[in-house]
Amino acid sequence: MKGFFITGTGTGVGKTIVTIILGLYLKSKGYENTIALKPIESGCNKISNVLIPHDGSLLKEMLKQSESLDVITPIRYERPLSPFAASLIEGNAFDKDLLIKHINDISIRYDRLLIEGIGGLMVPLDNKYFVYNLIKDLTLPVIIIAQAGLGTINHTLMSVDFALRHGINVAGIIINNCCSDPSDESIASNPKIIRKLSPVPVIGDIPYLKSLDYIEFIKIINYIDNSIIKYL
């Protein structure tokens, strides 16, 4: 299995946006047979008694993926909670063995995988299994997505430290300006500080996207550092 696991310093840092950018980037580098998955998603919309994943749908649409949403996002919860909390309420227990088998089966058909996580490294999937455990079981290098604004230095360095201490191979950090705020002076300085303090490289500094448009995504792929190719 080759590719990346995309995790975040928390929820709402733009993992799906960056996963799309990474997918387009890999395709531009000749890795056409790449698939992006969001295996677990909470906060799905229920339409005609079917849960529709927003992030999974966006991956399918923007990367023009032929696979069904059942392949892209097999585990779905309606409530916008951690998978463990949502499963207790909705009665849909998380099965790690089934999920890992699902991902392994897909990896046979594709040369490269992008696996988008849910929240950050310590999000519980059940009472004994967290996102970082799934990363370790899949043995994929990790890209950590961080928000651009105030507070990100602490969250980013803590996430990197946690990952490294648990034996996770961190390919790098991508800083995503998902909530542009002209009054936040830290947006300009944070990438420089993180580069100085982090033991892993910053491999991307993504500017604010005004719209989720395919053309806009294509323009942004040049913000990804080519150094990540060595992990493929």
C-alpha atoms as a PDB file:
ATOM      1  CA  MET A   1       0.000   0.000   0.000  1.00  0.00           C
ATOM      2  CA  LYS A   2       1.461   3.363  -1.060  1.00  0.00           C
ATOM      3  CA  GLY A   3       0.164   6.855  -0.511  1.00  0.00           C
ATOM      4  CA  PHE A   4      -0.611   9.094   2.445  1.00  0.00           C
ATOM      5  CA  PHE A   5      -2.904   9.280   5.439  1.00  0.00           C
ATOM      6  CA  ILE A   6      -4.159  12.845   5.846  1.00  0.00           C
ATOM      7  CA  THR A   7      -4.910  13.850   9.415  1.00  0.00           C
ATOM      8  CA  GLY A   8      -5.437  17.208  11.064  1.00  0.00           C
ATOM      9  CA  THR A   9      -4.552  19.159  14.175  1.00  0.00           C
ATOM     10  CA  GLY A  10      -8.292  19.080  14.829  1.00  0.00           C
ATOM     11  CA  THR A  11     -11.687  19.341  13.181  1.00  0.00           C
ATOM     12  CA  GLY A  12     -12.396  21.987  10.556  1.00  0.00           C
ATOM     13  CA  VAL A  13      -8.825  22.582   9.386  1.00  0.00           C
ATOM     14  CA  GLY A  14      -9.603  21.705   5.758  1.00  0.00           C
ATOM     15  CA  LYS A  15      -8.473  18.090   5.417  1.00  0.00           C
ATOM     16  CA  THR A  16     -10.895  17.413   2.564  1.00  0.00           C
ATOM     17  CA  ILE A  17      -9.741  20.488   0.637  1.00  0.00           C
ATOM     18  CA  VAL A  18      -6.098  19.496   1.001  1.00  0.00           C
ATOM     19  CA  THR A  19      -6.861  15.860   0.125  1.00  0.00           C
ATOM     20  CA  ILE A  20      -8.383  17.053  -3.153  1.00  0.00           C
ATOM     21  CA  ILE A  21      -5.331  19.226  -3.832  1.00  0.00           C
ATOM     22  CA  LEU A  22      -3.033  16.279  -3.087  1.00  0.00           C
ATOM     23  CA  GLY A  23      -5.076  14.036  -5.387  1.00  0.00           C
ATOM     24  CA  LEU A  24      -4.779  16.516  -8.251  1.00  0.00           C
ATOM     25  CA  TYR A  25      -1.097  16.987  -7.459  1.00  0.00           C
ATOM     26  CA  LEU A  26      -0.368  13.244  -7.666  1.00  0.00           C
ATOM     27  CA  LYS A  27      -2.269  12.949 -10.931  1.00  0.00           C
ATOM     28  CA  SER A  28      -0.235  15.865 -12.339  1.00  0.00           C
ATOM     29  CA  LYS A  29       2.926  13.946 -11.435  1.00  0.00           C
ATOM     30  CA  GLY A  30       1.830  10.877 -13.371  1.00  0.00           C
ATOM     31  CA  TYR A  31       0.111   8.933 -10.587  1.00  0.00           C
ATOM     32  CA  GLU A  32      -3.150   8.716 -12.506  1.00  0.00           C
ATOM     33  CA  ASN A  33      -4.347   5.547 -10.788  1.00  0.00           C
ATOM     34  CA  THR A  34      -4.861   7.267  -7.434  1.00  0.00           C
ATOM     35  CA  ILE A  35      -7.965   7.151  -5.246  1.00  0.00           C
ATOM     36  CA  ALA A  36      -8.912   9.355  -2.305  1.00  0.00           C
ATOM     37  CA  LEU A  37     -11.049   7.870   0.454  1.00  0.00           C
ATOM     38  CA  LYS A  38     -12.834   9.340   3.464  1.00  0.00           C
ATOM     39  CA  PRO A  39     -13.507   5.989   5.151  1.00  0.00           C
ATOM     40  CA  ILE A  40     -15.325   7.419   8.189  1.00  0.00           C
ATOM     41  CA  GLU A  41     -17.541  10.486   8.213  1.00  0.00           C
ATOM     42  CA  SER A  42     -19.921  11.861  10.806  1.00  0.00           C
ATOM     43  CA  GLY A  43     -22.419  14.671  10.376  1.00  0.00           C
ATOM     44  CA  CYS A  44     -23.806  13.137   7.171  1.00  0.00           C
ATOM     45  CA  ASN A  45     -27.091  14.371   5.685  1.00  0.00           C
ATOM     46  CA  LYS A  46     -29.982  11.911   5.735  1.00  0.00           C
ATOM     47  CA  ILE A  47     -31.909  11.935   2.448  1.00  0.00           C
ATOM     48  CA  SER A  48     -34.658   9.352   1.879  1.00  0.00           C
ATOM     49  CA  ASN A  49     -33.250   7.391   4.813  1.00  0.00           C
ATOM     50  CA  VAL A  50     -29.781   7.259   3.236  1.00  0.00           C
ATOM     51  CA  LEU A  51     -26.788   8.979   4.832  1.00  0.00           C
ATOM     52  CA  ILE A  52     -24.940  11.140   2.298  1.00  0.00           C
ATOM     53  CA  PRO A  53     -21.369  12.103   3.238  1.00  0.00           C
ATOM     54  CA  HIS A  54     -20.472  15.692   2.366  1.00  0.00           C
ATOM     55  CA  ASP A  55     -16.691  15.203   2.348  1.00  0.00           C
ATOM     56  CA  GLY A  56     -16.852  11.855   0.577  1.00  0.00           C
ATOM     57  CA  SER A  57     -19.108  13.369  -2.084  1.00  0.00           C
ATOM     58  CA  LEU A  58     -16.716  16.273  -2.586  1.00  0.00           C
ATOM     59  CA  LEU A  59     -13.780  13.882  -3.058  1.00  0.00           C
ATOM     60  CA  LYS A  60     -15.766  11.894  -5.604  1.00  0.00           C
ATOM     61  CA  GLU A  61     -16.862  14.988  -7.540  1.00  0.00           C
ATOM     62  CA  MET A  62     -13.673  17.037  -7.589  1.00  0.00           C
ATOM     63  CA  LEU A  63     -11.331  14.127  -8.311  1.00  0.00           C
ATOM     64  CA  LYS A  64     -13.777  12.634 -10.847  1.00  0.00           C
ATOM     65  CA  GLN A  65     -13.699   9.266  -9.078  1.00  0.00           C
ATOM     66  CA  SER A  66     -15.775   6.493 -10.616  1.00  0.00           C
ATOM     67  CA  GLU A  67     -16.079   4.494  -7.392  1.00  0.00           C
ATOM     68  CA  SER A  68     -19.365   4.691  -5.501  1.00  0.00           C
ATOM     69  CA  LEU A  69     -19.780   6.534  -2.204  1.00  0.00           C
ATOM     70  CA  ASP A  70     -20.048   3.119  -0.535  1.00  0.00           C
ATOM     71  CA  VAL A  71     -16.420   2.565  -1.536  1.00  0.00           C
ATOM     72  CA  ILE A  72     -15.215   6.099  -0.807  1.00  0.00           C
ATOM     73  CA  THR A  73     -17.020   6.509   2.530  1.00  0.00           C
ATOM     74  CA  PRO A  74     -18.220   3.132   3.839  1.00  0.00           C
ATOM     75  CA  ILE A  75     -18.743   4.178   7.488  1.00  0.00           C
ATOM     76  CA  ARG A  76     -21.202   7.024   8.024  1.00  0.00           C
ATOM     77  CA  TYR A  77     -22.899   8.609  11.016  1.00  0.00           C
ATOM     78  CA  GLU A  78     -25.644  11.186  11.046  1.00  0.00           C
ATOM     79  CA  ARG A  79     -24.679  13.054  14.187  1.00  0.00           C
ATOM     80  CA  PRO A  80     -21.740  15.502  13.995  1.00  0.00           C
ATOM     81  CA  LEU A  81     -19.833  13.749  16.778  1.00  0.00           C
ATOM     82  CA  SER A  82     -16.774  11.574  17.130  1.00  0.00           C
ATOM     83  CA  PRO A  83     -17.371   8.149  15.555  1.00  0.00           C
ATOM     84  CA  PHE A  84     -17.353   6.520  18.995  1.00  0.00           C
ATOM     85  CA  ALA A  85     -19.944   8.945  20.410  1.00  0.00           C
ATOM     86  CA  ALA A  86     -22.112   8.743  17.284  1.00  0.00           C
ATOM     87  CA  SER A  87     -21.968   4.931  17.208  1.00  0.00           C
ATOM     88  CA  LEU A  88     -23.201   4.705  20.799  1.00  0.00           C
ATOM     89  CA  ILE A  89     -26.241   6.816  19.936  1.00  0.00           C
ATOM     90  CA  GLU A  90     -26.963   5.394  16.486  1.00  0.00           C
ATOM     91  CA  GLY A  91     -26.168   1.748  17.239  1.00  0.00           C
ATOM     92  CA  ASN A  92     -23.693   1.362  14.385  1.00  0.00           C
ATOM     93  CA  ALA A  93     -20.560  -0.027  16.022  1.00  0.00           C
ATOM     94  CA  PHE A  94     -17.191   0.617  14.399  1.00  0.00           C
ATOM     95  CA  ASP A  95     -15.471  -2.528  13.050  1.00  0.00           C
ATOM     96  CA  LYS A  96     -11.769  -1.868  12.515  1.00  0.00           C
ATOM     97  CA  ASP A  97     -11.058  -5.258  10.919  1.00  0.00           C
ATOM     98  CA  LEU A  98     -13.797  -4.719   8.350  1.00  0.00           C
ATOM     99  CA  LEU A  99     -12.528  -1.220   7.554  1.00  0.00           C
ATOM    100  CA  ILE A 100      -8.902  -2.312   7.178  1.00  0.00           C
ATOM    101  CA  LYS A 101      -9.995  -5.167   4.888  1.00  0.00           C
ATOM    102  CA  HIS A 102     -12.020  -2.659   2.835  1.00  0.00           C
ATOM    103  CA  ILE A 103      -9.006  -0.370   2.411  1.00  0.00           C
ATOM    104  CA  ASN A 104      -6.656  -3.270   1.641  1.00  0.00           C
ATOM    105  CA  ASP A 105      -9.050  -4.585  -1.022  1.00  0.00           C
ATOM    106  CA  ILE A 106      -9.152  -1.152  -2.675  1.00  0.00           C
ATOM    107  CA  SER A 107      -5.368  -0.811  -2.548  1.00  0.00           C
ATOM    108  CA  ILE A 108      -5.085  -3.832  -4.852  1.00  0.00           C
ATOM    109  CA  ARG A 109      -6.904  -1.918  -7.602  1.00  0.00           C
ATOM    110  CA  TYR A 110      -5.048   1.386  -7.232  1.00  0.00           C
ATOM    111  CA  ASP A 111      -1.388   2.378  -7.337  1.00  0.00           C
ATOM    112  CA  ARG A 112      -1.703   5.147  -4.731  1.00  0.00           C
ATOM    113  CA  LEU A 113      -4.163   5.858  -1.927  1.00  0.00           C
ATOM    114  CA  LEU A 114      -5.039   9.044  -0.082  1.00  0.00           C
ATOM    115  CA  ILE A 115      -6.865   8.251   3.149  1.00  0.00           C
ATOM    116  CA  GLU A 116      -8.522  11.238   4.804  1.00  0.00           C
ATOM    117  CA  GLY A 117      -8.988  10.770   8.523  1.00  0.00           C
ATOM    118  CA  ILE A 118     -11.647  12.215  10.794  1.00  0.00           C
ATOM    119  CA  GLY A 119     -10.619  15.031  13.121  1.00  0.00           C
ATOM    120  CA  GLY A 120      -7.191  14.591  14.676  1.00  0.00           C
ATOM    121  CA  LEU A 121      -4.962  11.779  15.880  1.00  0.00           C
ATOM    122  CA  MET A 122      -6.754  11.118  19.168  1.00  0.00           C
ATOM    123  CA  VAL A 123     -10.321  11.024  17.850  1.00  0.00           C
ATOM    124  CA  PRO A 124     -11.870   7.804  19.246  1.00  0.00           C
ATOM    125  CA  LEU A 125     -13.293   5.309  16.770  1.00  0.00           C
ATOM    126  CA  ASP A 126     -14.352   3.023  19.606  1.00  0.00           C
ATOM    127  CA  ASN A 127     -13.466   2.761  23.292  1.00  0.00           C
ATOM    128  CA  LYS A 128      -9.987   1.334  22.635  1.00  0.00           C
ATOM    129  CA  TYR A 129      -9.113   2.386  19.091  1.00  0.00           C
ATOM    130  CA  PHE A 130      -8.204   5.868  17.902  1.00  0.00           C
ATOM    131  CA  VAL A 131      -7.323   7.486  14.577  1.00  0.00           C
ATOM    132  CA  TYR A 132      -3.610   7.097  15.320  1.00  0.00           C
ATOM    133  CA  ASN A 133      -4.134   3.341  15.798  1.00  0.00           C
ATOM    134  CA  LEU A 134      -5.705   3.138  12.335  1.00  0.00           C
ATOM    135  CA  ILE A 135      -2.729   5.036  10.874  1.00  0.00           C
ATOM    136  CA  LYS A 136      -0.310   2.583  12.456  1.00  0.00           C
ATOM    137  CA  ASP A 137      -2.276  -0.406  11.174  1.00  0.00           C
ATOM    138  CA  LEU A 138      -2.294   0.975   7.625  1.00  0.00           C
ATOM    139  CA  THR A 139       1.445   1.850   7.826  1.00  0.00           C
ATOM    140  CA  LEU A 140       1.032   4.874   5.571  1.00  0.00           C
ATOM    141  CA  PRO A 141       3.128   8.032   6.016  1.00  0.00           C
ATOM    142  CA  VAL A 142       1.111  10.882   7.464  1.00  0.00           C
ATOM    143  CA  ILE A 143       0.555  14.436   6.322  1.00  0.00           C
ATOM    144  CA  ILE A 144      -0.681  16.703   9.120  1.00  0.00           C
ATOM    145  CA  ILE A 145      -3.027  19.515   8.089  1.00  0.00           C
ATOM    146  CA  ALA A 146      -2.937  22.630  10.257  1.00  0.00           C
ATOM    147  CA  GLN A 147      -5.015  25.777  10.168  1.00  0.00           C
ATOM    148  CA  ALA A 148      -3.181  28.992   9.370  1.00  0.00           C
ATOM    149  CA  GLY A 149      -4.356  31.250  12.193  1.00  0.00           C
ATOM    150  CA  LEU A 150      -3.710  31.978  15.852  1.00  0.00           C
ATOM    151  CA  GLY A 151      -3.157  28.887  17.999  1.00  0.00           C
ATOM    152  CA  THR A 152      -1.857  26.684  15.242  1.00  0.00           C
ATOM    153  CA  ILE A 153       1.747  26.573  16.491  1.00  0.00           C
ATOM    154  CA  ASN A 154       0.716  24.783  19.675  1.00  0.00           C
ATOM    155  CA  HIS A 155      -1.723  22.419  17.959  1.00  0.00           C
ATOM    156  CA  THR A 156       0.707  21.593  15.157  1.00  0.00           C
ATOM    157  CA  LEU A 157       3.773  20.929  17.289  1.00  0.00           C
ATOM    158  CA  MET A 158       1.737  18.821  19.714  1.00  0.00           C
ATOM    159  CA  SER A 159       0.319  16.732  16.867  1.00  0.00           C
ATOM    160  CA  VAL A 160       3.758  16.199  15.331  1.00  0.00           C
ATOM    161  CA  ASP A 161       5.254  15.264  18.706  1.00  0.00           C
ATOM    162  CA  PHE A 162       2.446  12.815  19.458  1.00  0.00           C
ATOM    163  CA  ALA A 163       2.747  11.149  16.055  1.00  0.00           C
ATOM    164  CA  LEU A 164       6.509  10.750  16.254  1.00  0.00           C
ATOM    165  CA  ARG A 165       6.399   9.415  19.807  1.00  0.00           C
ATOM    166  CA  HIS A 166       3.947   6.747  18.645  1.00  0.00           C
ATOM    167  CA  GLY A 167       6.194   5.623  15.813  1.00  0.00           C
ATOM    168  CA  ILE A 168       4.234   7.249  12.992  1.00  0.00           C
ATOM    169  CA  ASN A 169       6.159   8.338   9.898  1.00  0.00           C
ATOM    170  CA  VAL A 170       5.269  12.005   9.331  1.00  0.00           C
ATOM    171  CA  ALA A 171       5.953  13.136   5.764  1.00  0.00           C
ATOM    172  CA  GLY A 172       5.270  16.757   6.611  1.00  0.00           C
ATOM    173  CA  ILE A 173       2.861  19.524   7.517  1.00  0.00           C
ATOM    174  CA  ILE A 174       0.530  21.429   5.211  1.00  0.00           C
ATOM    175  CA  ILE A 175      -0.742  24.754   6.531  1.00  0.00           C
ATOM    176  CA  ASN A 176      -4.176  25.565   5.163  1.00  0.00           C
ATOM    177  CA  ASN A 177      -5.607  29.069   5.265  1.00  0.00           C
ATOM    178  CA  CYS A 178      -9.180  27.820   5.404  1.00  0.00           C
ATOM    179  CA  CYS A 179     -10.654  30.816   7.265  1.00  0.00           C
ATOM    180  CA  SER A 180      -8.996  33.955   5.962  1.00  0.00           C
ATOM    181  CA  ASP A 181      -8.980  36.741   8.549  1.00  0.00           C
ATOM    182  CA  PRO A 182      -7.137  39.958   7.559  1.00  0.00           C
ATOM    183  CA  SER A 183      -6.920  40.987  11.214  1.00  0.00           C
ATOM    184  CA  ASP A 184      -4.995  37.836  12.228  1.00  0.00           C
ATOM    185  CA  GLU A 185      -1.316  38.813  11.985  1.00  0.00           C
ATOM    186  CA  SER A 186      -0.231  35.287  12.922  1.00  0.00           C
ATOM    187  CA  ILE A 187      -1.270  33.921   9.513  1.00  0.00           C
ATOM    188  CA  ALA A 188       1.858  35.456   7.982  1.00  0.00           C
ATOM    189  CA  SER A 189       4.263  34.498  10.777  1.00  0.00           C
ATOM    190  CA  ASN A 190       3.032  31.023  11.771  1.00  0.00           C
ATOM    191  CA  PRO A 191       4.494  29.100   8.794  1.00  0.00           C
ATOM    192  CA  LYS A 192       7.932  30.632   9.429  1.00  0.00           C
ATOM    193  CA  ILE A 193       7.829  29.764  13.144  1.00  0.00           C
ATOM    194  CA  ILE A 194       6.604  26.225  12.535  1.00  0.00           C
ATOM    195  CA  ARG A 195       9.382  25.691   9.983  1.00  0.00           C
ATOM    196  CA  LYS A 196      11.942  26.747  12.603  1.00  0.00           C
ATOM    197  CA  LEU A 197      10.525  24.649  15.461  1.00  0.00           C
ATOM    198  CA  SER A 198       9.136  21.508  13.828  1.00  0.00           C
ATOM    199  CA  PRO A 199      11.256  18.372  13.409  1.00  0.00           C
ATOM    200  CA  VAL A 200       9.341  17.594  10.202  1.00  0.00           C
ATOM    201  CA  PRO A 201       9.115  19.893   7.157  1.00  0.00           C
ATOM    202  CA  VAL A 202       6.296  22.180   6.104  1.00  0.00           C
ATOM    203  CA  ILE A 203       5.485  20.810   2.641  1.00  0.00           C
ATOM    204  CA  GLY A 204       2.728  23.219   1.718  1.00  0.00           C
ATOM    205  CA  ASP A 205       1.257  26.608   2.647  1.00  0.00           C
ATOM    206  CA  ILE A 206      -2.174  26.768   1.006  1.00  0.00           C
ATOM    207  CA  PRO A 207      -3.753  30.196   0.430  1.00  0.00           C
ATOM    208  CA  TYR A 208      -7.408  30.916   1.105  1.00  0.00           C
ATOM    209  CA  LEU A 209      -9.760  29.514  -1.537  1.00  0.00           C
ATOM    210  CA  LYS A 210     -12.725  31.771  -2.266  1.00  0.00           C
ATOM    211  CA  SER A 211     -14.694  28.956  -3.891  1.00  0.00           C
ATOM    212  CA  LEU A 212     -14.655  25.173  -4.114  1.00  0.00           C
ATOM    213  CA  ASP A 213     -14.111  25.235  -7.842  1.00  0.00           C
ATOM    214  CA  TYR A 214     -12.142  22.677  -9.868  1.00  0.00           C
ATOM    215  CA  ILE A 215     -10.138  25.396 -11.632  1.00  0.00           C
ATOM    216  CA  GLU A 216      -9.198  26.941  -8.280  1.00  0.00           C
ATOM    217  CA  PHE A 217      -7.994  23.566  -7.016  1.00  0.00           C
ATOM    218  CA  ILE A 218      -5.816  23.085 -10.095  1.00  0.00           C
ATOM    219  CA  LYS A 219      -4.118  26.442  -9.480  1.00  0.00           C
ATOM    220  CA  ILE A 220      -3.186  25.439  -5.932  1.00  0.00           C
ATOM    221  CA  ILE A 221      -1.286  22.220  -6.693  1.00  0.00           C
ATOM    222  CA  ASN A 222       1.903  24.235  -7.200  1.00  0.00           C
ATOM    223  CA  TYR A 223       1.851  25.050  -3.478  1.00  0.00           C
ATOM    224  CA  ILE A 224       2.746  21.413  -2.658  1.00  0.00           C
ATOM    225  CA  ASP A 225       6.459  20.705  -2.200  1.00  0.00           C
ATOM    226  CA  ASN A 226       7.855  18.084  -4.579  1.00  0.00           C
ATOM    227  CA  SER A 227       9.784  16.535  -1.697  1.00  0.00           C
ATOM    228  CA  ILE A 228       6.780  14.352  -0.877  1.00  0.00           C
ATOM    229  CA  ILE A 229       7.422  12.290  -4.012  1.00  0.00           C
ATOM    230  CA  LYS A 230      10.167  10.416  -2.143  1.00  0.00           C
ATOM    231  CA  TYR A 231       7.475   8.756  -0.028  1.00  0.00           C
ATOM    232  CA  LEU A 232       5.811   7.275  -3.086  1.00  0.00           C
END
